[in-house]
Amino acid sequence: MRQLTGLRPKPELQPKQQRPKQQRLRPKQQP
């Protein structure tokens, strides 16, 4: 059970970094 909780915080940080990367590409293609 301790191993599952340690893996949970790791995948949560990955999707958060992908969000800001997609938003930066959008404004670059618009102008």
N, C-alpha and C. Protein backbone atom coordinates (compact mmCIF):
# COMPACT_ATOMS: atom_id res chain seq x y z
N MET A 1 0.85 -1.20 0.00
CA MET A 1 0.00 0.00 0.00
C MET A 1 0.88 1.25 0.00
N ARG A 2 2.01 1.17 0.65
CA ARG A 2 2.91 2.34 0.71
C ARG A 2 3.50 2.61 -0.68
N GLN A 3 3.70 1.57 -1.46
CA GLN A 3 4.28 1.76 -2.80
C GLN A 3 3.28 2.43 -3.74
N LEU A 4 2.00 2.15 -3.56
CA LEU A 4 0.97 2.73 -4.44
C LEU A 4 0.85 4.23 -4.19
N THR A 5 0.97 4.64 -2.95
CA THR A 5 0.82 6.07 -2.62
C THR A 5 2.04 6.83 -3.17
N GLY A 6 3.18 6.20 -3.24
CA GLY A 6 4.40 6.86 -3.72
C GLY A 6 4.34 7.04 -5.24
N LEU A 7 3.65 6.14 -5.92
CA LEU A 7 3.56 6.25 -7.38
C LEU A 7 2.47 7.24 -7.79
N ARG A 8 1.55 7.50 -6.89
CA ARG A 8 0.43 8.41 -7.23
C ARG A 8 0.92 9.86 -7.44
N PRO A 9 1.73 10.38 -6.58
CA PRO A 9 2.20 11.77 -6.70
C PRO A 9 3.09 11.96 -7.94
N LYS A 10 3.70 10.91 -8.41
CA LYS A 10 4.60 11.03 -9.58
C LYS A 10 3.80 11.29 -10.87
N PRO A 11 2.79 10.49 -11.16
CA PRO A 11 1.98 10.69 -12.38
C PRO A 11 1.20 11.99 -12.34
N GLU A 12 0.95 12.50 -11.15
CA GLU A 12 0.17 13.76 -11.03
C GLU A 12 1.02 14.95 -11.49
N LEU A 13 2.33 14.84 -11.34
CA LEU A 13 3.21 15.96 -11.72
C LEU A 13 3.41 15.97 -13.24
N GLN A 14 3.29 14.82 -13.87
CA GLN A 14 3.51 14.74 -15.32
C GLN A 14 2.40 15.46 -16.11
N PRO A 15 1.14 15.18 -15.82
CA PRO A 15 0.03 15.83 -16.54
C PRO A 15 0.01 17.33 -16.29
N LYS A 16 0.55 17.78 -15.17
CA LYS A 16 0.54 19.22 -14.85
C LYS A 16 1.58 19.93 -15.73
N GLN A 17 2.66 19.27 -16.06
CA GLN A 17 3.71 19.90 -16.89
C GLN A 17 3.29 19.90 -18.36
N GLN A 18 2.47 18.94 -18.76
CA GLN A 18 2.04 18.86 -20.16
C GLN A 18 1.01 19.95 -20.48
N ARG A 19 0.28 20.39 -19.48
CA ARG A 19 -0.78 21.40 -19.70
C ARG A 19 -0.16 22.75 -20.13
N PRO A 20 0.82 23.23 -19.43
CA PRO A 20 1.43 24.53 -19.75
C PRO A 20 2.19 24.46 -21.09
N LYS A 21 2.62 23.29 -21.47
CA LYS A 21 3.38 23.15 -22.73
C LYS A 21 2.42 23.29 -23.92
N GLN A 22 1.21 22.75 -23.79
CA GLN A 22 0.23 22.83 -24.89
C GLN A 22 -0.30 24.26 -25.01
N GLN A 23 -0.43 24.95 -23.91
CA GLN A 23 -0.97 26.32 -23.93
C GLN A 23 0.04 27.27 -24.58
N ARG A 24 1.29 26.99 -24.45
CA ARG A 24 2.34 27.87 -25.02
C ARG A 24 2.40 27.70 -26.55
N LEU A 25 2.07 26.51 -27.03
CA LEU A 25 2.12 26.27 -28.47
C LEU A 25 0.90 26.89 -29.17
N ARG A 26 -0.19 27.00 -28.44
CA ARG A 26 -1.44 27.54 -29.03
C ARG A 26 -1.28 29.03 -29.38
N PRO A 27 -0.81 29.83 -28.47
CA PRO A 27 -0.66 31.27 -28.72
C PRO A 27 0.40 31.54 -29.80
N LYS A 28 1.31 30.63 -29.99
CA LYS A 28 2.38 30.84 -30.99
C LYS A 28 1.82 30.61 -32.40
N GLN A 29 0.89 29.67 -32.54
CA GLN A 29 0.32 29.38 -33.86
C GLN A 29 -0.75 30.42 -34.23
N GLN A 30 -1.39 31.02 -33.25
CA GLN A 30 -2.46 32.01 -33.51
C GLN A 30 -1.91 33.28 -34.17
N PRO A 31 -0.87 33.89 -33.64
CA PRO A 31 -0.30 35.13 -34.20
C PRO A 31 0.58 34.82 -35.41
